[in-house]
Amino acid sequence: MPRFRYVASDSKGSETEGVLDAQSQSEAIAMLKAKGFFPTSCDEIGGGGPKRAGGPAGKARGKGAGDIEIKMPKFLQAQRVKAKDLTVFTRQLATLIDAGLPLLRGLRILLKQEKNHALRNALNGMGESVEGGSTFSEALSGYPKIFDNLFVNMVKAGEAGGVLETVLARLAEFMEKAEKIKNKVKSAMIYPVVVLVVAFAILAFLLTSVIPKFEEIFNDLLEGAALPPLTQFVINISNFVQTKGLWIIIAVAIFVTLIKLWRTTEKGRYFLDYAKLKAPLFGDLFQKTAVSRFTRTLGTLMSSGVPVLQALNIVRDTSGNAVLAKAIQSVHDAVKEGESMAMPLGASGIFPGMVVSMVDVGEETGALPEMLMRVADNYDDEVDTAVEGLTSVIEPIMIVALALIIGTIVIAMFVPLISIIGSLS
């Protein structure tokens, strides 16, 4: 009898591996489901390679002696799906299911109108998996680069509760609001970055092209006379940039590379994420965004029927911040021991007192998901206010900084000219 090596997760989200005997892959998957597991892969030992439990992407379902294996090009397999495309797909699928269409027919309809190659490939594979007897969540789990743990587990909870269309609608709303907040933070960062790039370009042009010409004029007309200290300082900087400019660029590139490599380590990632939360001007915005994402993700999962411990694991893995992930892990451990969420949230130092109090009230009243969603809505508004305030503060700071730099160079160059003109007259 064939043997199959499987990887599966239980109802709490814990992953387990093992080996079992079965006549076929479908029978092995059925046996795992009967034991209460959710298989993510089931490979026949010595059977010629892995087979995803949710159905292979971009391949024919069966493979006999005369079958041709159809593979998508690598650049299509690796292509990411934009958040906007995924949100539209989720919203449309929720509408189709709510209108009474079967899941498989809904997937086929969306496949015909989908333009994104990666999502078309996924829809085709998911349709084959569902047609072959897999659940929708199992089909989704075969495409982890498109559908993350949050998406898969919410769909799994929706299937278990018979409210798949409601969960999909919540997912679409969640992704829309998350993308809205993300775009607002990006817009707050774009302005200073653009201004800095332009400022450095102007400064480099002045130091490498304009100031050297002034230096030649001063050498010819002053005949070796001493220059004012400010003028000599600017000329020295210009000479340094001209002679060492390439080394400066190499040093910056090495520094950025080392920072990126350090971020791949656990300590480096934690330190940089902590510095991001404590950064002047932007730190408050990053913190409010993190709190909004945490509360909305956890509230959406819990309101969809995902168990609290599994929901905390998903939120931890999708937080995007090592400091926040550590705080969520402490909350998970406390809840696992039968304690409340409020105490470890307050001890983390990341979550404001208002959030801790709201979570405490939600736990006492049994309305924690609703309370988390209210907190998320409130912090979405605070992120809007923080972005507007940050923009209003950055603009004058940038203008003053540019005026000081350019003004210093202009003054340094024109002071000797004034003395030259006076001596000539």
Protein backbone atom coordinates (compact mmCIF):
# COMPACT_ATOMS: atom_id res chain seq x y z
CA MET A 1 0.00 0.00 0.00
CA PRO A 2 1.34 3.47 -0.86
CA ARG A 3 2.61 5.64 1.98
CA PHE A 4 2.08 9.40 2.16
CA ARG A 5 4.03 11.99 4.09
CA TYR A 6 1.76 14.86 5.18
CA VAL A 7 1.95 18.29 6.74
CA ALA A 8 -1.25 19.44 8.43
CA SER A 9 -2.53 21.88 11.04
CA ASP A 10 -5.07 21.30 13.79
CA SER A 11 -7.97 23.52 14.85
CA LYS A 12 -5.61 25.67 16.96
CA GLY A 13 -3.24 26.31 14.05
CA SER A 14 -0.43 24.05 15.30
CA GLU A 15 1.41 22.31 12.47
CA THR A 16 2.20 18.60 12.56
CA GLU A 17 3.93 16.15 10.22
CA GLY A 18 3.66 12.40 9.82
CA VAL A 19 3.28 9.38 7.56
CA LEU A 20 0.18 7.28 6.86
CA ASP A 21 -0.86 4.42 4.58
CA ALA A 22 -3.65 4.94 2.04
CA GLN A 23 -4.72 3.72 -1.39
CA SER A 24 -4.53 7.22 -2.93
CA GLN A 25 -3.80 10.83 -2.11
CA SER A 26 -7.52 11.68 -1.86
CA GLU A 27 -8.03 8.84 0.63
CA ALA A 28 -5.06 10.06 2.69
CA ILE A 29 -6.52 13.58 2.76
CA ALA A 30 -9.92 12.19 3.80
CA MET A 31 -8.29 10.26 6.65
CA LEU A 32 -6.55 13.42 7.89
CA LYS A 33 -9.82 15.36 7.77
CA ALA A 34 -11.55 12.63 9.74
CA LYS A 35 -8.94 13.09 12.47
CA GLY A 36 -9.64 16.83 12.61
CA PHE A 37 -6.55 17.96 10.68
CA PHE A 38 -6.35 20.47 7.83
CA PRO A 39 -3.72 19.14 5.38
CA THR A 40 -1.53 21.63 3.55
CA SER A 41 0.57 19.03 1.70
CA CYS A 42 0.36 15.29 1.15
CA ASP A 43 3.23 13.69 -0.76
CA GLU A 44 3.48 10.05 -1.78
CA ILE A 45 6.78 8.65 -0.59
CA GLY A 46 8.68 7.64 -3.69
CA GLY A 47 5.77 8.80 -5.83
CA GLY A 48 7.63 11.21 -8.01
CA GLY A 49 7.42 14.48 -6.17
CA PRO A 50 5.15 16.51 -3.95
CA LYS A 51 1.46 17.02 -4.50
CA ARG A 52 -0.28 19.90 -2.77
CA ALA A 53 -3.39 18.99 -0.84
CA GLY A 54 -5.17 21.98 -2.29
CA GLY A 55 -4.42 20.99 -5.87
CA PRO A 56 -1.36 21.76 -7.94
CA ALA A 57 -1.13 25.14 -9.57
CA GLY A 58 -0.91 25.26 -13.32
CA LYS A 59 -0.84 21.46 -13.88
CA ALA A 60 -3.29 18.96 -15.24
CA ARG A 61 -5.22 17.16 -12.49
CA GLY A 62 -4.30 13.69 -13.59
CA LYS A 63 -1.03 12.46 -14.97
CA GLY A 64 -1.08 9.24 -16.88
CA ALA A 65 1.26 7.66 -19.33
CA GLY A 66 0.22 9.88 -22.23
CA ASP A 67 -0.59 13.06 -20.29
CA ILE A 68 1.34 16.22 -20.90
CA GLU A 69 2.36 18.24 -17.86
CA ILE A 70 1.36 21.87 -18.38
CA LYS A 71 3.42 24.45 -16.53
CA MET A 72 3.05 28.19 -16.38
CA PRO A 73 6.16 30.23 -17.21
CA LYS A 74 8.27 31.01 -14.16
CA PHE A 75 7.80 34.75 -14.44
CA LEU A 76 4.02 34.20 -14.25
CA GLN A 77 4.27 31.83 -11.31
CA ALA A 78 6.37 34.31 -9.34
CA GLN A 79 4.20 37.31 -10.22
CA ARG A 80 2.58 38.95 -7.23
CA VAL A 81 -1.06 39.91 -7.15
CA LYS A 82 -1.75 43.52 -6.24
CA ALA A 83 -3.83 44.18 -3.16
CA LYS A 84 -6.38 46.01 -5.30
CA ASP A 85 -6.85 43.01 -7.63
CA LEU A 86 -7.17 40.63 -4.69
CA THR A 87 -9.72 42.91 -3.01
CA VAL A 88 -11.82 43.10 -6.18
CA PHE A 89 -11.70 39.30 -6.57
CA THR A 90 -12.77 38.77 -2.94
CA ARG A 91 -15.61 41.30 -3.19
CA GLN A 92 -16.90 39.82 -6.45
CA LEU A 93 -16.75 36.23 -5.15
CA ALA A 94 -18.65 37.25 -2.01
CA THR A 95 -21.33 38.89 -4.17
CA LEU A 96 -21.67 35.82 -6.42
CA ILE A 97 -21.97 33.40 -3.49
CA ASP A 98 -24.42 35.70 -1.71
CA ALA A 99 -26.54 35.71 -4.90
CA GLY A 100 -26.85 31.93 -4.62
CA LEU A 101 -24.26 30.74 -7.14
CA PRO A 102 -22.21 27.65 -6.22
CA LEU A 103 -18.58 28.30 -5.32
CA LEU A 104 -17.19 26.40 -8.32
CA ARG A 105 -19.35 28.34 -10.78
CA GLY A 106 -18.34 31.61 -9.13
CA LEU A 107 -14.68 30.73 -9.58
CA ARG A 108 -15.24 29.86 -13.25
CA ILE A 109 -17.02 33.18 -13.87
CA LEU A 110 -14.23 35.17 -12.25
CA LEU A 111 -11.63 33.17 -14.18
CA LYS A 112 -13.12 34.32 -17.51
CA GLN A 113 -12.86 38.02 -16.64
CA GLU A 114 -9.59 38.02 -14.66
CA LYS A 115 -6.66 39.76 -16.41
CA ASN A 116 -3.89 39.19 -13.87
CA HIS A 117 -1.92 36.11 -15.03
CA ALA A 118 -0.92 34.95 -11.55
CA LEU A 119 -4.49 35.21 -10.25
CA ARG A 120 -5.84 33.48 -13.36
CA ASN A 121 -3.41 30.63 -12.77
CA ALA A 122 -4.54 30.41 -9.14
CA LEU A 123 -8.24 30.52 -10.05
CA ASN A 124 -7.77 27.73 -12.57
CA GLY A 125 -5.95 25.55 -10.05
CA MET A 126 -8.42 26.30 -7.27
CA GLY A 127 -11.33 25.44 -9.52
CA GLU A 128 -9.78 22.06 -10.29
CA SER A 129 -9.11 21.44 -6.58
CA VAL A 130 -12.68 22.29 -5.55
CA GLU A 131 -14.03 20.17 -8.40
CA GLY A 132 -11.84 17.31 -7.15
CA GLY A 133 -13.39 17.43 -3.67
CA SER A 134 -11.10 19.81 -1.77
CA THR A 135 -12.50 22.61 0.34
CA PHE A 136 -12.03 26.20 -0.74
CA SER A 137 -9.61 26.90 2.12
CA GLU A 138 -7.51 23.89 1.11
CA ALA A 139 -7.42 25.17 -2.47
CA LEU A 140 -6.36 28.62 -1.24
CA SER A 141 -3.54 27.16 0.86
CA GLY A 142 -1.90 25.88 -2.35
CA TYR A 143 -1.08 29.50 -3.29
CA PRO A 144 0.60 31.02 -0.22
CA LYS A 145 2.20 33.85 -2.24
CA ILE A 146 -1.28 35.14 -3.11
CA PHE A 147 -3.45 34.12 -0.15
CA ASP A 148 -1.77 34.54 3.23
CA ASN A 149 -2.63 32.78 6.50
CA LEU A 150 -5.15 35.47 7.38
CA PHE A 151 -7.11 34.89 4.18
CA VAL A 152 -6.97 31.09 4.38
CA ASN A 153 -7.96 30.84 8.04
CA MET A 154 -10.86 33.28 7.71
CA VAL A 155 -12.20 31.30 4.76
CA LYS A 156 -11.76 28.10 6.78
CA ALA A 157 -13.78 29.62 9.63
CA GLY A 158 -16.44 30.79 7.16
CA GLU A 159 -16.74 27.31 5.69
CA ALA A 160 -17.07 25.76 9.14
CA GLY A 161 -19.81 28.23 10.12
CA GLY A 162 -21.62 28.18 6.78
CA VAL A 163 -21.14 31.94 6.32
CA LEU A 164 -18.51 32.01 3.58
CA GLU A 165 -20.07 34.96 1.74
CA THR A 166 -20.13 37.02 4.96
CA VAL A 167 -16.49 36.22 5.72
CA LEU A 168 -15.42 37.08 2.17
CA ALA A 169 -17.23 40.42 2.43
CA ARG A 170 -15.43 41.10 5.73
CA LEU A 171 -12.13 40.16 4.12
CA ALA A 172 -12.71 42.57 1.25
CA GLU A 173 -13.62 45.36 3.66
CA PHE A 174 -10.56 44.59 5.77
CA MET A 175 -8.22 44.68 2.76
CA GLU A 176 -9.76 47.92 1.50
CA LYS A 177 -9.25 49.68 4.82
CA ALA A 178 -5.74 48.23 5.27
CA GLU A 179 -4.75 49.42 1.79
CA LYS A 180 -6.25 52.85 2.49
CA ILE A 181 -4.15 53.24 5.65
CA LYS A 182 -1.04 51.95 3.86
CA ASN A 183 -1.48 54.47 1.05
CA LYS A 184 -1.91 57.32 3.52
CA VAL A 185 1.33 56.42 5.29
CA LYS A 186 3.10 56.16 1.92
CA SER A 187 1.79 59.57 0.90
CA ALA A 188 3.18 61.03 4.12
CA MET A 189 6.60 59.53 3.33
CA ILE A 190 6.70 60.46 -0.36
CA TYR A 191 6.85 64.23 0.15
CA PRO A 192 9.99 64.34 2.35
CA VAL A 193 11.72 61.70 0.22
CA VAL A 194 11.10 63.64 -3.01
CA VAL A 195 12.22 66.91 -1.42
CA LEU A 196 15.39 65.28 -0.06
CA VAL A 197 16.25 63.74 -3.44
CA VAL A 198 15.79 67.09 -5.21
CA ALA A 199 17.78 68.88 -2.51
CA PHE A 200 20.70 66.46 -2.80
CA ALA A 201 20.63 66.73 -6.60
CA ILE A 202 20.78 70.55 -6.44
CA LEU A 203 23.49 70.45 -3.79
CA ALA A 204 25.58 67.99 -5.81
CA PHE A 205 25.25 70.21 -8.91
CA LEU A 206 26.37 73.29 -6.98
CA LEU A 207 29.31 71.53 -5.33
CA THR A 208 30.61 69.84 -8.49
CA SER A 209 29.84 72.40 -11.22
CA VAL A 210 29.16 75.90 -9.89
CA ILE A 211 31.53 76.32 -6.95
CA PRO A 212 34.66 75.15 -8.87
CA LYS A 213 34.07 77.97 -11.41
CA PHE A 214 33.81 80.50 -8.59
CA GLU A 215 37.07 79.10 -7.15
CA GLU A 216 38.83 79.74 -10.49
CA ILE A 217 37.51 83.32 -10.56
CA PHE A 218 38.71 83.96 -6.99
CA ASN A 219 42.18 82.55 -7.76
CA ASP A 220 42.53 84.80 -10.83
CA LEU A 221 41.23 88.04 -9.32
CA LEU A 222 42.42 87.81 -5.72
CA GLU A 223 45.93 86.67 -6.71
CA GLY A 224 46.38 84.32 -3.74
CA ALA A 225 44.70 86.55 -1.13
CA ALA A 226 42.97 84.75 1.73
CA LEU A 227 39.28 83.99 1.28
CA PRO A 228 36.65 84.54 3.98
CA PRO A 229 36.34 81.51 6.34
CA LEU A 230 32.81 80.64 5.18
CA THR A 231 33.83 80.74 1.51
CA GLN A 232 36.93 78.61 2.13
CA PHE A 233 34.78 76.10 4.09
CA VAL A 234 32.32 75.71 1.18
CA ILE A 235 35.17 75.38 -1.34
CA ASN A 236 36.83 72.70 0.81
CA ILE A 237 33.57 70.74 0.87
CA SER A 238 33.31 71.09 -2.92
CA ASN A 239 36.86 69.79 -3.39
CA PHE A 240 36.19 66.86 -1.07
CA VAL A 241 33.02 65.89 -2.95
CA GLN A 242 34.82 66.09 -6.30
CA THR A 243 37.78 63.98 -5.21
CA LYS A 244 35.99 61.57 -2.85
CA GLY A 245 32.50 61.54 -4.36
CA LEU A 246 32.77 58.00 -5.69
CA TRP A 247 33.99 56.75 -2.31
CA ILE A 248 31.07 58.48 -0.62
CA ILE A 249 28.62 56.68 -2.93
CA ILE A 250 30.35 53.34 -2.30
CA ALA A 251 30.31 53.92 1.47
CA VAL A 252 26.58 54.73 1.40
CA ALA A 253 25.85 51.63 -0.70
CA ILE A 254 27.84 49.43 1.71
CA PHE A 255 26.07 50.97 4.69
CA VAL A 256 22.61 50.35 3.18
CA THR A 257 23.57 46.77 2.30
CA LEU A 258 24.82 46.09 5.82
CA ILE A 259 21.59 47.49 7.27
CA LYS A 260 19.55 45.19 5.02
CA LEU A 261 21.66 42.18 5.97
CA TRP A 262 21.38 43.08 9.65
CA ARG A 263 17.61 43.29 9.28
CA THR A 264 17.54 39.64 8.24
CA THR A 265 18.77 38.73 11.74
CA GLU A 266 16.38 38.55 14.69
CA LYS A 267 18.20 41.18 16.76
CA GLY A 268 18.64 43.54 13.83
CA ARG A 269 14.99 43.30 12.81
CA TYR A 270 13.86 43.93 16.40
CA PHE A 271 16.18 46.92 16.86
CA LEU A 272 15.20 48.55 13.56
CA ASP A 273 11.48 48.02 14.18
CA TYR A 274 11.86 49.47 17.67
CA ALA A 275 13.73 52.47 16.25
CA LYS A 276 10.92 52.92 13.71
CA LEU A 277 8.32 53.11 16.48
CA LYS A 278 10.43 55.60 18.46
CA ALA A 279 11.58 57.74 15.52
CA PRO A 280 10.98 61.49 15.82
CA LEU A 281 8.05 62.83 13.80
CA PHE A 282 7.26 59.46 12.15
CA GLY A 283 7.29 57.22 15.23
CA ASP A 284 3.81 58.22 16.40
CA LEU A 285 2.40 57.57 12.93
CA PHE A 286 4.01 54.11 12.74
CA GLN A 287 2.69 53.22 16.21
CA LYS A 288 -0.87 54.26 15.42
CA THR A 289 -0.75 52.36 12.15
CA ALA A 290 0.50 49.22 13.95
CA VAL A 291 -2.24 49.46 16.60
CA SER A 292 -4.90 49.97 13.92
CA ARG A 293 -3.67 46.95 11.95
CA PHE A 294 -3.49 44.74 15.05
CA THR A 295 -6.97 45.57 16.34
CA ARG A 296 -8.64 45.35 12.94
CA THR A 297 -6.98 42.05 12.02
CA LEU A 298 -7.74 40.43 15.38
CA GLY A 299 -11.28 41.78 15.44
CA THR A 300 -11.97 40.57 11.91
CA LEU A 301 -10.63 37.07 12.66
CA MET A 302 -12.53 36.69 15.92
CA SER A 303 -15.80 38.00 14.47
CA SER A 304 -15.41 35.45 11.65
CA GLY A 305 -15.23 32.57 14.12
CA VAL A 306 -11.48 31.93 14.25
CA PRO A 307 -10.42 30.69 17.75
CA VAL A 308 -8.64 33.37 19.76
CA LEU A 309 -5.30 31.52 20.08
CA GLN A 310 -5.20 30.76 16.36
CA ALA A 311 -6.20 34.36 15.62
CA LEU A 312 -3.36 35.69 17.77
CA ASN A 313 -0.89 33.45 15.93
CA ILE A 314 -2.09 34.78 12.58
CA VAL A 315 -1.94 38.40 13.77
CA ARG A 316 1.58 37.83 15.10
CA ASP A 317 2.78 36.39 11.79
CA THR A 318 1.17 39.19 9.72
CA SER A 319 2.06 42.12 12.01
CA GLY A 320 5.11 43.17 9.96
CA ASN A 321 6.89 44.48 13.08
CA ALA A 322 9.15 42.37 15.33
CA VAL A 323 8.41 44.48 18.44
CA LEU A 324 4.67 44.13 17.93
CA ALA A 325 5.02 40.41 17.17
CA LYS A 326 6.83 39.88 20.48
CA ALA A 327 4.07 41.73 22.34
CA ILE A 328 1.40 39.63 20.61
CA GLN A 329 3.28 36.45 21.53
CA SER A 330 3.19 37.47 25.19
CA VAL A 331 -0.58 38.04 24.85
CA HIS A 332 -0.92 34.60 23.25
CA ASP A 333 0.99 32.95 26.10
CA ALA A 334 -1.11 34.76 28.70
CA VAL A 335 -4.41 33.76 27.07
CA LYS A 336 -3.17 30.18 26.75
CA GLU A 337 -2.65 30.16 30.52
CA GLY A 338 -6.19 31.41 31.08
CA GLU A 339 -5.33 35.06 31.71
CA SER A 340 -6.81 38.15 30.04
CA MET A 341 -5.36 40.09 27.10
CA ALA A 342 -5.39 43.47 28.81
CA MET A 343 -2.49 42.89 31.22
CA PRO A 344 0.18 41.77 28.69
CA LEU A 345 -1.02 44.44 26.25
CA GLY A 346 -0.44 47.13 28.87
CA ALA A 347 2.93 45.64 29.92
CA SER A 348 4.25 45.73 26.34
CA GLY A 349 4.44 49.53 26.33
CA ILE A 350 3.31 49.68 22.70
CA PHE A 351 -0.43 49.91 23.13
CA PRO A 352 -1.89 53.12 24.60
CA GLY A 353 -3.93 53.00 27.78
CA MET A 354 -7.16 53.62 25.89
CA VAL A 355 -6.64 50.48 23.80
CA VAL A 356 -5.86 48.39 26.87
CA SER A 357 -8.98 49.69 28.65
CA MET A 358 -11.20 49.00 25.63
CA VAL A 359 -9.86 45.45 25.34
CA ASP A 360 -10.44 44.92 29.06
CA VAL A 361 -14.04 46.11 28.78
CA GLY A 362 -14.57 43.95 25.69
CA GLU A 363 -13.35 40.84 27.52
CA GLU A 364 -15.58 41.56 30.53
CA THR A 365 -18.69 42.14 28.42
CA GLY A 366 -18.03 39.32 25.94
CA ALA A 367 -17.97 41.76 23.02
CA LEU A 368 -14.24 41.79 22.33
CA PRO A 369 -14.46 41.55 18.49
CA GLU A 370 -16.85 44.51 18.31
CA MET A 371 -14.67 46.51 20.72
CA LEU A 372 -11.55 45.78 18.66
CA MET A 373 -13.26 46.99 15.49
CA ARG A 374 -14.27 50.22 17.25
CA VAL A 375 -10.69 50.77 18.35
CA ALA A 376 -9.51 50.13 14.78
CA ASP A 377 -11.98 52.67 13.37
CA ASN A 378 -10.88 55.21 15.96
CA TYR A 379 -7.20 54.70 15.15
CA ASP A 380 -7.88 54.92 11.42
CA ASP A 381 -9.15 58.44 12.09
CA GLU A 382 -6.10 59.16 14.23
CA VAL A 383 -3.81 57.98 11.42
CA ASP A 384 -5.57 60.43 9.09
CA THR A 385 -5.00 63.23 11.59
CA ALA A 386 -1.37 62.19 12.14
CA VAL A 387 -0.67 62.18 8.39
CA GLU A 388 -2.13 65.67 7.97
CA GLY A 389 -0.21 66.96 10.99
CA LEU A 390 3.02 65.35 9.82
CA THR A 391 2.70 66.90 6.37
CA SER A 392 2.04 70.34 7.86
CA VAL A 393 5.15 70.03 10.05
CA ILE A 394 7.50 68.59 7.41
CA GLU A 395 6.79 71.22 4.76
CA PRO A 396 8.13 74.25 6.69
CA ILE A 397 11.06 72.23 8.09
CA MET A 398 12.13 71.19 4.59
CA ILE A 399 11.72 74.71 3.21
CA VAL A 400 13.78 76.24 6.03
CA ALA A 401 16.50 73.57 5.71
CA LEU A 402 16.79 74.08 1.95
CA ALA A 403 16.85 77.86 2.38
CA LEU A 404 19.68 77.61 4.92
CA ILE A 405 21.80 75.31 2.76
CA ILE A 406 21.35 77.18 -0.52
CA GLY A 407 21.55 80.55 1.24
CA THR A 408 24.83 79.63 2.91
CA ILE A 409 26.37 78.67 -0.43
CA VAL A 410 25.15 81.86 -2.12
CA ILE A 411 26.46 84.08 0.67
CA ALA A 412 29.79 82.24 0.75
CA MET A 413 30.27 82.81 -2.99
CA PHE A 414 29.14 86.42 -3.15
CA VAL A 415 31.04 87.83 -0.16
CA PRO A 416 34.42 87.65 -2.02
CA LEU A 417 32.79 89.01 -5.17
CA ILE A 418 31.66 92.08 -3.30
CA SER A 419 35.21 92.75 -2.10
CA ILE A 420 36.54 92.14 -5.61
CA ILE A 421 34.08 94.58 -7.13
CA GLY A 422 34.97 97.16 -4.48
CA SER A 423 38.69 96.87 -5.17
CA LEU A 424 38.16 97.14 -8.94
CA SER A 425 36.05 100.30 -8.58
